[in-house]
Amino acid sequence: MKYTLLISLAFLCVDLSAQKKGQPLVDSLVSELPKMKDDSNKVRFLGLIAQNYMLFNPNEGFVYAENALQLAEKIHWKKGIANIHNNLGLMIGDTGNNVLAREHFEKAMR
């Protein structure tokens, strides 16, 4: 009984995460971009890449967020434009530029 409890606790302590994290996740997401059509799903995908890049390479995250914003404006997807402006506001706010972050939040509210 004691050994069963110890083995059970050992397995509970191990991180058995099956999903990718960090750079491997971003690399796999970026590899899927060329296969996608220019639609709302690609805007969401670019936003997801931008959010994940912000954890370890903020400059690259801003590039993907701007690409998402340009695509959302190109396809005239208002909800996507607002969402990307909100994400840009959050991302820029993390850098300390609260004035520019506020501008993006105001654009998201329109």
N, C-alpha and C. Protein backbone atom coordinates (compact mmCIF):
# COMPACT_ATOMS: atom_id res chain seq x y z
N MET A 1 0.83 -1.19 0.00
CA MET A 1 0.00 0.00 0.00
C MET A 1 0.87 1.25 0.00
N LYS A 2 1.93 1.22 0.80
CA LYS A 2 2.81 2.37 0.90
C LYS A 2 3.49 2.65 -0.45
N TYR A 3 3.92 1.58 -1.15
CA TYR A 3 4.58 1.75 -2.43
C TYR A 3 3.63 2.26 -3.51
N THR A 4 2.43 1.82 -3.46
CA THR A 4 1.42 2.28 -4.41
C THR A 4 1.17 3.77 -4.23
N LEU A 5 1.12 4.22 -2.99
CA LEU A 5 0.92 5.64 -2.70
C LEU A 5 2.11 6.46 -3.18
N LEU A 6 3.31 5.99 -2.95
CA LEU A 6 4.51 6.71 -3.39
C LEU A 6 4.60 6.79 -4.91
N ILE A 7 4.27 5.71 -5.58
CA ILE A 7 4.30 5.71 -7.04
C ILE A 7 3.22 6.64 -7.58
N SER A 8 2.06 6.64 -6.98
CA SER A 8 0.98 7.54 -7.40
C SER A 8 1.38 9.00 -7.23
N LEU A 9 2.01 9.33 -6.13
CA LEU A 9 2.47 10.70 -5.89
C LEU A 9 3.55 11.10 -6.87
N ALA A 10 4.42 10.17 -7.22
CA ALA A 10 5.48 10.46 -8.18
C ALA A 10 4.89 10.81 -9.54
N PHE A 11 3.86 10.09 -9.96
CA PHE A 11 3.24 10.40 -11.24
C PHE A 11 2.47 11.71 -11.22
N LEU A 12 1.94 12.08 -10.10
CA LEU A 12 1.22 13.35 -9.99
C LEU A 12 2.17 14.53 -10.07
N CYS A 13 3.39 14.35 -9.66
CA CYS A 13 4.36 15.44 -9.65
C CYS A 13 5.00 15.69 -11.01
N VAL A 14 4.89 14.74 -11.91
CA VAL A 14 5.51 14.85 -13.22
C VAL A 14 4.61 15.67 -14.14
N ASP A 15 5.22 16.60 -14.86
CA ASP A 15 4.47 17.39 -15.83
C ASP A 15 4.31 16.57 -17.11
N LEU A 16 3.12 16.10 -17.35
CA LEU A 16 2.85 15.26 -18.51
C LEU A 16 2.13 16.06 -19.59
N SER A 17 2.59 17.27 -19.82
CA SER A 17 1.95 18.14 -20.80
C SER A 17 2.22 17.63 -22.21
N ALA A 18 1.17 17.39 -22.96
CA ALA A 18 1.31 16.89 -24.32
C ALA A 18 1.35 18.01 -25.34
N GLN A 19 1.06 19.23 -24.90
CA GLN A 19 1.03 20.34 -25.84
C GLN A 19 2.36 21.07 -25.85
N LYS A 20 2.67 21.61 -27.01
CA LYS A 20 3.90 22.36 -27.17
C LYS A 20 3.79 23.69 -26.46
N LYS A 21 4.95 24.23 -26.07
CA LYS A 21 4.99 25.53 -25.40
C LYS A 21 6.16 26.32 -25.96
N GLY A 22 6.08 27.63 -25.87
CA GLY A 22 7.19 28.49 -26.24
C GLY A 22 7.50 28.44 -27.72
N GLN A 23 8.80 28.41 -28.03
CA GLN A 23 9.26 28.47 -29.41
C GLN A 23 8.75 27.30 -30.26
N PRO A 24 8.73 26.05 -29.76
CA PRO A 24 8.18 24.97 -30.60
C PRO A 24 6.72 25.20 -31.01
N LEU A 25 5.92 25.76 -30.10
CA LEU A 25 4.53 26.06 -30.43
C LEU A 25 4.45 27.11 -31.52
N VAL A 26 5.21 28.18 -31.37
CA VAL A 26 5.18 29.26 -32.36
C VAL A 26 5.67 28.76 -33.71
N ASP A 27 6.73 27.95 -33.71
CA ASP A 27 7.24 27.42 -34.96
C ASP A 27 6.20 26.56 -35.68
N SER A 28 5.48 25.76 -34.94
CA SER A 28 4.46 24.92 -35.58
C SER A 28 3.30 25.76 -36.10
N LEU A 29 2.95 26.84 -35.38
CA LEU A 29 1.87 27.72 -35.85
C LEU A 29 2.30 28.47 -37.11
N VAL A 30 3.54 28.96 -37.12
CA VAL A 30 4.03 29.72 -38.28
C VAL A 30 4.11 28.81 -39.51
N SER A 31 4.44 27.55 -39.32
CA SER A 31 4.54 26.64 -40.46
C SER A 31 3.18 26.40 -41.12
N GLU A 32 2.10 26.63 -40.40
CA GLU A 32 0.75 26.43 -40.95
C GLU A 32 0.24 27.65 -41.71
N LEU A 33 0.85 28.82 -41.53
CA LEU A 33 0.35 30.05 -42.16
C LEU A 33 0.25 30.00 -43.68
N PRO A 34 1.28 29.50 -44.39
CA PRO A 34 1.17 29.52 -45.86
C PRO A 34 0.00 28.70 -46.41
N LYS A 35 -0.49 27.74 -45.65
CA LYS A 35 -1.58 26.88 -46.11
C LYS A 35 -2.95 27.52 -45.93
N MET A 36 -3.02 28.63 -45.21
CA MET A 36 -4.31 29.22 -44.86
C MET A 36 -4.76 30.27 -45.87
N LYS A 37 -6.09 30.36 -46.03
CA LYS A 37 -6.67 31.42 -46.87
C LYS A 37 -6.70 32.72 -46.07
N ASP A 38 -6.79 33.83 -46.77
CA ASP A 38 -6.90 35.13 -46.11
C ASP A 38 -8.34 35.33 -45.63
N ASP A 39 -8.63 34.86 -44.43
CA ASP A 39 -9.96 35.02 -43.86
C ASP A 39 -9.84 35.25 -42.36
N SER A 40 -10.97 35.22 -41.68
CA SER A 40 -10.97 35.52 -40.24
C SER A 40 -10.18 34.49 -39.43
N ASN A 41 -10.14 33.26 -39.90
CA ASN A 41 -9.36 32.25 -39.17
C ASN A 41 -7.87 32.58 -39.20
N LYS A 42 -7.41 33.11 -40.31
CA LYS A 42 -5.99 33.48 -40.40
C LYS A 42 -5.71 34.68 -39.49
N VAL A 43 -6.65 35.60 -39.37
CA VAL A 43 -6.48 36.73 -38.45
C VAL A 43 -6.36 36.22 -37.02
N ARG A 44 -7.23 35.31 -36.64
CA ARG A 44 -7.16 34.72 -35.29
C ARG A 44 -5.83 34.00 -35.08
N PHE A 45 -5.40 33.28 -36.09
CA PHE A 45 -4.16 32.53 -36.02
C PHE A 45 -2.97 33.46 -35.85
N LEU A 46 -2.95 34.55 -36.63
CA LEU A 46 -1.86 35.54 -36.50
C LEU A 46 -1.87 36.18 -35.12
N GLY A 47 -3.06 36.44 -34.58
CA GLY A 47 -3.16 36.99 -33.24
C GLY A 47 -2.64 36.02 -32.19
N LEU A 48 -2.93 34.75 -32.36
CA LEU A 48 -2.43 33.73 -31.45
C LEU A 48 -0.91 33.64 -31.50
N ILE A 49 -0.35 33.72 -32.70
CA ILE A 49 1.11 33.70 -32.84
C ILE A 49 1.70 34.92 -32.15
N ALA A 50 1.09 36.08 -32.34
CA ALA A 50 1.59 37.31 -31.71
C ALA A 50 1.57 37.20 -30.19
N GLN A 51 0.49 36.68 -29.64
CA GLN A 51 0.40 36.53 -28.19
C GLN A 51 1.46 35.59 -27.65
N ASN A 52 1.72 34.50 -28.36
CA ASN A 52 2.72 33.55 -27.89
C ASN A 52 4.14 34.09 -28.05
N TYR A 53 4.38 34.86 -29.11
CA TYR A 53 5.70 35.47 -29.30
C TYR A 53 6.00 36.48 -28.19
N MET A 54 4.96 37.13 -27.68
CA MET A 54 5.19 38.16 -26.65
C MET A 54 5.85 37.59 -25.40
N LEU A 55 5.77 36.31 -25.19
CA LEU A 55 6.36 35.69 -24.00
C LEU A 55 7.88 35.63 -24.07
N PHE A 56 8.44 35.56 -25.29
CA PHE A 56 9.89 35.44 -25.37
C PHE A 56 10.54 36.30 -26.45
N ASN A 57 9.78 36.87 -27.37
CA ASN A 57 10.33 37.75 -28.39
C ASN A 57 9.29 38.81 -28.77
N PRO A 58 9.15 39.85 -27.93
CA PRO A 58 8.08 40.84 -28.16
C PRO A 58 8.15 41.53 -29.52
N ASN A 59 9.34 41.81 -30.02
CA ASN A 59 9.43 42.49 -31.31
C ASN A 59 8.79 41.69 -32.43
N GLU A 60 9.01 40.39 -32.42
CA GLU A 60 8.40 39.53 -33.43
C GLU A 60 6.88 39.43 -33.21
N GLY A 61 6.46 39.51 -31.97
CA GLY A 61 5.04 39.49 -31.66
C GLY A 61 4.31 40.68 -32.26
N PHE A 62 4.96 41.85 -32.21
CA PHE A 62 4.35 43.04 -32.80
C PHE A 62 4.22 42.91 -34.31
N VAL A 63 5.18 42.27 -34.95
CA VAL A 63 5.12 42.08 -36.40
C VAL A 63 3.89 41.25 -36.78
N TYR A 64 3.67 40.16 -36.07
CA TYR A 64 2.52 39.31 -36.37
C TYR A 64 1.20 40.00 -36.01
N ALA A 65 1.19 40.79 -34.97
CA ALA A 65 -0.02 41.53 -34.61
C ALA A 65 -0.36 42.56 -35.69
N GLU A 66 0.65 43.24 -36.20
CA GLU A 66 0.42 44.21 -37.28
C GLU A 66 -0.07 43.50 -38.54
N ASN A 67 0.49 42.33 -38.84
CA ASN A 67 0.01 41.56 -40.00
C ASN A 67 -1.44 41.15 -39.82
N ALA A 68 -1.79 40.77 -38.61
CA ALA A 68 -3.19 40.40 -38.32
C ALA A 68 -4.11 41.60 -38.51
N LEU A 69 -3.67 42.76 -38.05
CA LEU A 69 -4.47 43.98 -38.18
C LEU A 69 -4.66 44.35 -39.65
N GLN A 70 -3.59 44.26 -40.43
CA GLN A 70 -3.70 44.58 -41.86
C GLN A 70 -4.65 43.63 -42.57
N LEU A 71 -4.58 42.34 -42.24
CA LEU A 71 -5.47 41.37 -42.87
C LEU A 71 -6.92 41.59 -42.45
N ALA A 72 -7.15 41.89 -41.18
CA ALA A 72 -8.50 42.15 -40.70
C ALA A 72 -9.10 43.38 -41.39
N GLU A 73 -8.27 44.40 -41.61
CA GLU A 73 -8.76 45.59 -42.31
C GLU A 73 -9.00 45.27 -43.79
N LYS A 74 -8.17 44.44 -44.38
CA LYS A 74 -8.31 44.08 -45.79
C LYS A 74 -9.62 43.34 -46.04
N ILE A 75 -9.99 42.45 -45.12
CA ILE A 75 -11.23 41.68 -45.31
C ILE A 75 -12.44 42.35 -44.64
N HIS A 76 -12.23 43.53 -44.08
CA HIS A 76 -13.28 44.34 -43.45
C HIS A 76 -13.99 43.60 -42.33
N TRP A 77 -13.21 42.97 -41.45
CA TRP A 77 -13.76 42.22 -40.32
C TRP A 77 -13.65 43.08 -39.07
N LYS A 78 -14.74 43.76 -38.73
CA LYS A 78 -14.73 44.73 -37.64
C LYS A 78 -14.41 44.11 -36.28
N LYS A 79 -14.97 42.95 -36.00
CA LYS A 79 -14.69 42.29 -34.72
C LYS A 79 -13.21 41.92 -34.61
N GLY A 80 -12.64 41.46 -35.70
CA GLY A 80 -11.22 41.12 -35.72
C GLY A 80 -10.33 42.34 -35.53
N ILE A 81 -10.71 43.44 -36.15
CA ILE A 81 -9.94 44.68 -36.01
C ILE A 81 -9.96 45.12 -34.55
N ALA A 82 -11.13 45.08 -33.94
CA ALA A 82 -11.25 45.47 -32.53
C ALA A 82 -10.43 44.55 -31.63
N ASN A 83 -10.49 43.27 -31.90
CA ASN A 83 -9.76 42.30 -31.09
C ASN A 83 -8.24 42.51 -31.21
N ILE A 84 -7.76 42.73 -32.41
CA ILE A 84 -6.32 42.94 -32.60
C ILE A 84 -5.89 44.26 -31.97
N HIS A 85 -6.70 45.31 -32.09
CA HIS A 85 -6.35 46.57 -31.41
C HIS A 85 -6.29 46.37 -29.90
N ASN A 86 -7.21 45.59 -29.36
CA ASN A 86 -7.18 45.31 -27.93
C ASN A 86 -5.91 44.55 -27.56
N ASN A 87 -5.57 43.53 -28.35
CA ASN A 87 -4.34 42.78 -28.09
C ASN A 87 -3.10 43.66 -28.21
N LEU A 88 -3.09 44.54 -29.21
CA LEU A 88 -1.96 45.46 -29.34
C LEU A 88 -1.87 46.39 -28.13
N GLY A 89 -3.02 46.84 -27.65
CA GLY A 89 -3.02 47.67 -26.45
C GLY A 89 -2.44 46.94 -25.26
N LEU A 90 -2.80 45.69 -25.09
CA LEU A 90 -2.25 44.89 -23.99
C LEU A 90 -0.76 44.67 -24.16
N MET A 91 -0.35 44.36 -25.37
CA MET A 91 1.06 44.08 -25.64
C MET A 91 1.91 45.33 -25.45
N ILE A 92 1.43 46.45 -25.98
CA ILE A 92 2.18 47.71 -25.85
C ILE A 92 2.17 48.19 -24.41
N GLY A 93 1.07 47.98 -23.71
CA GLY A 93 1.00 48.35 -22.30
C GLY A 93 2.04 47.60 -21.47
N ASP A 94 2.33 46.38 -21.84
CA ASP A 94 3.36 45.61 -21.13
C ASP A 94 4.75 46.20 -21.32
N THR A 95 4.96 46.94 -22.40
CA THR A 95 6.26 47.57 -22.62
C THR A 95 6.39 48.88 -21.87
N GLY A 96 5.29 49.39 -21.34
CA GLY A 96 5.32 50.63 -20.57
C GLY A 96 4.84 51.86 -21.33
N ASN A 97 4.54 51.72 -22.60
CA ASN A 97 4.07 52.84 -23.40
C ASN A 97 2.55 52.93 -23.27
N ASN A 98 2.11 53.51 -22.17
CA ASN A 98 0.67 53.55 -21.87
C ASN A 98 -0.11 54.49 -22.79
N VAL A 99 0.54 55.51 -23.32
CA VAL A 99 -0.14 56.45 -24.21
C VAL A 99 -0.55 55.73 -25.50
N LEU A 100 0.40 55.02 -26.10
CA LEU A 100 0.10 54.29 -27.34
C LEU A 100 -0.87 53.14 -27.06
N ALA A 101 -0.72 52.50 -25.91
CA ALA A 101 -1.64 51.41 -25.54
C ALA A 101 -3.06 51.94 -25.45
N ARG A 102 -3.23 53.11 -24.86
CA ARG A 102 -4.56 53.71 -24.74
C ARG A 102 -5.16 54.01 -26.10
N GLU A 103 -4.33 54.46 -27.05
CA GLU A 103 -4.83 54.72 -28.40
C GLU A 103 -5.40 53.45 -29.03
N HIS A 104 -4.71 52.34 -28.83
CA HIS A 104 -5.20 51.08 -29.38
C HIS A 104 -6.49 50.63 -28.68
N PHE A 105 -6.57 50.85 -27.37
CA PHE A 105 -7.80 50.51 -26.64
C PHE A 105 -8.98 51.36 -27.13
N GLU A 106 -8.72 52.63 -27.41
CA GLU A 106 -9.79 53.50 -27.91
C GLU A 106 -10.23 53.06 -29.31
N LYS A 107 -9.28 52.65 -30.14
CA LYS A 107 -9.63 52.16 -31.47
C LYS A 107 -10.44 50.87 -31.37
N ALA A 108 -10.13 50.06 -30.37
CA ALA A 108 -10.86 48.81 -30.18
C ALA A 108 -12.31 49.07 -29.77
N MET A 109 -12.55 50.18 -29.10
CA MET A 109 -13.90 50.51 -28.64
C MET A 109 -14.79 51.06 -29.74
N ARG A 110 -14.21 51.51 -30.84
CA ARG A 110 -15.01 52.09 -31.93
C ARG A 110 -15.78 51.08 -32.67
